[in-house]
Amino acid sequence: MLITRHSETYNDSAMEDYMPEDMLTLNQVEREFGLKRSTLYRYVAKGELSTYRIVGDRRAYVKREDVFKLRKFRPSQKRNKTEHK
């Protein structure tokens, strides 16, 4: 599980040649989907998003398909309303 923040000093384009198209760095997810990093960390902490690593690369990766699933419409949670008299 990825919780701590780390500085990403790698050039995204350098590893893109080696990455399958279905895997994205967290920076790429931020740019393409407009999700903030804190939101991604919350999804990871709740177990709704899995991260993956490559040996020798400190960056975390997620599957594009998993991000699409998070972006789908879901029923909203009902809030308890207190009755006022």
C-alpha atoms as a PDB file:
ATOM      1  CA  MET A   1       0.000   0.000   0.000  1.00  0.00           C
ATOM      2  CA  LEU A   2       1.328   3.416  -0.917  1.00  0.00           C
ATOM      3  CA  ILE A   3       0.750   6.043   1.723  1.00  0.00           C
ATOM      4  CA  THR A   4       3.909   8.108   1.999  1.00  0.00           C
ATOM      5  CA  ARG A   5       4.715  10.810  -0.486  1.00  0.00           C
ATOM      6  CA  HIS A   6       7.992  10.775  -2.316  1.00  0.00           C
ATOM      7  CA  SER A   7       9.530  13.136  -4.813  1.00  0.00           C
ATOM      8  CA  GLU A   8       9.417  11.776  -8.313  1.00  0.00           C
ATOM      9  CA  THR A   9      12.645  12.709 -10.029  1.00  0.00           C
ATOM     10  CA  TYR A  10      12.223  10.371 -12.969  1.00  0.00           C
ATOM     11  CA  ASN A  11      11.280  11.520 -16.437  1.00  0.00           C
ATOM     12  CA  ASP A  12       7.907   9.950 -17.325  1.00  0.00           C
ATOM     13  CA  SER A  13       8.832   9.623 -20.981  1.00  0.00           C
ATOM     14  CA  ALA A  14      11.997   7.640 -20.187  1.00  0.00           C
ATOM     15  CA  MET A  15      10.047   4.675 -18.813  1.00  0.00           C
ATOM     16  CA  GLU A  16       7.021   4.963 -21.127  1.00  0.00           C
ATOM     17  CA  ASP A  17       8.841   2.878 -23.740  1.00  0.00           C
ATOM     18  CA  TYR A  18       8.960  -0.010 -21.271  1.00  0.00           C
ATOM     19  CA  MET A  19       5.492   0.389 -19.727  1.00  0.00           C
ATOM     20  CA  PRO A  20       2.363  -1.351 -20.976  1.00  0.00           C
ATOM     21  CA  GLU A  21      -0.256   1.155 -22.104  1.00  0.00           C
ATOM     22  CA  ASP A  22      -2.634   0.101 -19.353  1.00  0.00           C
ATOM     23  CA  MET A  23      -0.274   1.250 -16.559  1.00  0.00           C
ATOM     24  CA  LEU A  24      -0.018   4.898 -15.492  1.00  0.00           C
ATOM     25  CA  THR A  25       2.115   6.795 -12.991  1.00  0.00           C
ATOM     26  CA  LEU A  26       0.315   8.863 -10.387  1.00  0.00           C
ATOM     27  CA  ASN A  27       1.471  12.006 -12.223  1.00  0.00           C
ATOM     28  CA  GLN A  28      -0.102  10.742 -15.425  1.00  0.00           C
ATOM     29  CA  VAL A  29      -3.374   9.996 -13.609  1.00  0.00           C
ATOM     30  CA  GLU A  30      -3.371  13.532 -12.205  1.00  0.00           C
ATOM     31  CA  ARG A  31      -2.912  15.054 -15.672  1.00  0.00           C
ATOM     32  CA  GLU A  32      -5.237  12.771 -17.654  1.00  0.00           C
ATOM     33  CA  PHE A  33      -8.096  12.374 -15.195  1.00  0.00           C
ATOM     34  CA  GLY A  34      -7.836  15.521 -13.079  1.00  0.00           C
ATOM     35  CA  LEU A  35      -7.670  13.566  -9.829  1.00  0.00           C
ATOM     36  CA  LYS A  36      -5.570  15.074  -7.053  1.00  0.00           C
ATOM     37  CA  ARG A  37      -2.796  12.997  -5.543  1.00  0.00           C
ATOM     38  CA  SER A  38      -4.468  13.161  -2.124  1.00  0.00           C
ATOM     39  CA  THR A  39      -7.599  11.634  -3.673  1.00  0.00           C
ATOM     40  CA  LEU A  40      -5.531   8.815  -5.174  1.00  0.00           C
ATOM     41  CA  TYR A  41      -3.892   8.144  -1.799  1.00  0.00           C
ATOM     42  CA  ARG A  42      -7.342   8.011  -0.168  1.00  0.00           C
ATOM     43  CA  TYR A  43      -8.506   5.433  -2.726  1.00  0.00           C
ATOM     44  CA  VAL A  44      -5.371   3.365  -2.039  1.00  0.00           C
ATOM     45  CA  ALA A  45      -5.835   3.588   1.745  1.00  0.00           C
ATOM     46  CA  LYS A  46      -9.489   2.493   1.423  1.00  0.00           C
ATOM     47  CA  GLY A  47      -8.474  -0.449  -0.766  1.00  0.00           C
ATOM     48  CA  GLU A  48     -10.366   0.865  -3.807  1.00  0.00           C
ATOM     49  CA  LEU A  49      -7.210   1.337  -5.912  1.00  0.00           C
ATOM     50  CA  SER A  50      -4.158  -0.907  -6.109  1.00  0.00           C
ATOM     51  CA  THR A  51      -0.656   0.329  -6.848  1.00  0.00           C
ATOM     52  CA  TYR A  52       2.139  -1.557  -8.576  1.00  0.00           C
ATOM     53  CA  ARG A  53       5.920  -1.161  -8.630  1.00  0.00           C
ATOM     54  CA  ILE A  54       8.727  -1.947 -11.053  1.00  0.00           C
ATOM     55  CA  VAL A  55      12.026  -3.170  -9.659  1.00  0.00           C
ATOM     56  CA  GLY A  56      14.474  -0.273  -9.574  1.00  0.00           C
ATOM     57  CA  ASP A  57      11.762   2.374 -10.051  1.00  0.00           C
ATOM     58  CA  ARG A  58      10.465   4.262  -7.019  1.00  0.00           C
ATOM     59  CA  ARG A  59       7.259   5.419  -8.707  1.00  0.00           C
ATOM     60  CA  ALA A  60       3.883   3.838  -8.080  1.00  0.00           C
ATOM     61  CA  TYR A  61       1.738   2.739 -11.005  1.00  0.00           C
ATOM     62  CA  VAL A  62      -1.972   2.065 -11.328  1.00  0.00           C
ATOM     63  CA  LYS A  63      -3.978   0.306 -13.987  1.00  0.00           C
ATOM     64  CA  ARG A  64      -5.840   2.638 -16.347  1.00  0.00           C
ATOM     65  CA  GLU A  65      -8.879   0.335 -16.125  1.00  0.00           C
ATOM     66  CA  ASP A  66      -8.980   0.698 -12.321  1.00  0.00           C
ATOM     67  CA  VAL A  67      -9.028   4.498 -12.612  1.00  0.00           C
ATOM     68  CA  PHE A  68     -11.864   4.316 -15.151  1.00  0.00           C
ATOM     69  CA  LYS A  69     -13.845   2.152 -12.717  1.00  0.00           C
ATOM     70  CA  LEU A  70     -13.404   4.750  -9.968  1.00  0.00           C
ATOM     71  CA  ARG A  71     -14.658   7.501 -12.276  1.00  0.00           C
ATOM     72  CA  LYS A  72     -17.962   5.759 -13.091  1.00  0.00           C
ATOM     73  CA  PHE A  73     -21.144   7.042 -11.550  1.00  0.00           C
ATOM     74  CA  ARG A  74     -22.072   5.432  -8.264  1.00  0.00           C
ATOM     75  CA  PRO A  75     -25.109   5.862  -6.060  1.00  0.00           C
ATOM     76  CA  SER A  76     -24.596   8.605  -3.535  1.00  0.00           C
ATOM     77  CA  GLN A  77     -24.642   7.767   0.139  1.00  0.00           C
ATOM     78  CA  LYS A  78     -27.801   8.770   1.942  1.00  0.00           C
ATOM     79  CA  ARG A  79     -27.302  11.244   4.712  1.00  0.00           C
ATOM     80  CA  ASN A  80     -29.250  11.062   7.938  1.00  0.00           C
ATOM     81  CA  LYS A  81     -31.448  14.116   8.260  1.00  0.00           C
ATOM     82  CA  THR A  82     -32.517  15.231  11.661  1.00  0.00           C
ATOM     83  CA  GLU A  83     -36.133  16.261  11.962  1.00  0.00           C
ATOM     84  CA  HIS A  84     -36.759  19.747  13.255  1.00  0.00           C
ATOM     85  CA  LYS A  85     -39.935  20.495  15.205  1.00  0.00           C
END
